[in-house]
Amino acid sequence: MISAHFTIMETADILQVLPRLAISDRLKIAEAALRLVQQDQQSLTREQRRQQMALAAITAISDYSPNSELTVFTELDGEDFYDETTH
């Protein structure tokens, strides 16, 4: 009789091992994880999807607040991108 021995890795364990893996292995893991997330999304009801979107919007609010990393480039708004006087 062959017994299977499985070790369940915690998220912290996985994140610790990832940098030591080859890029191709990391990509395989990322692709598999994305497929699982997509499968989970497809099984959600309309109300569950709505709730997830609302949570995502609330989470993203800080990304769009003044002085956030996402809005730092808006400081360039109004500045000429191409100065014709130098050419």
Foldseek 3Di string as FASTA:
>chain_A
DDDDDDDDDDPVRCVVCVVVDDPVVNVVVVVVVVVVVVVVVVPDDPVVVVVVVVVVVVVCPVCPDPPHPNCPVCVCPPPDPDDPVVD
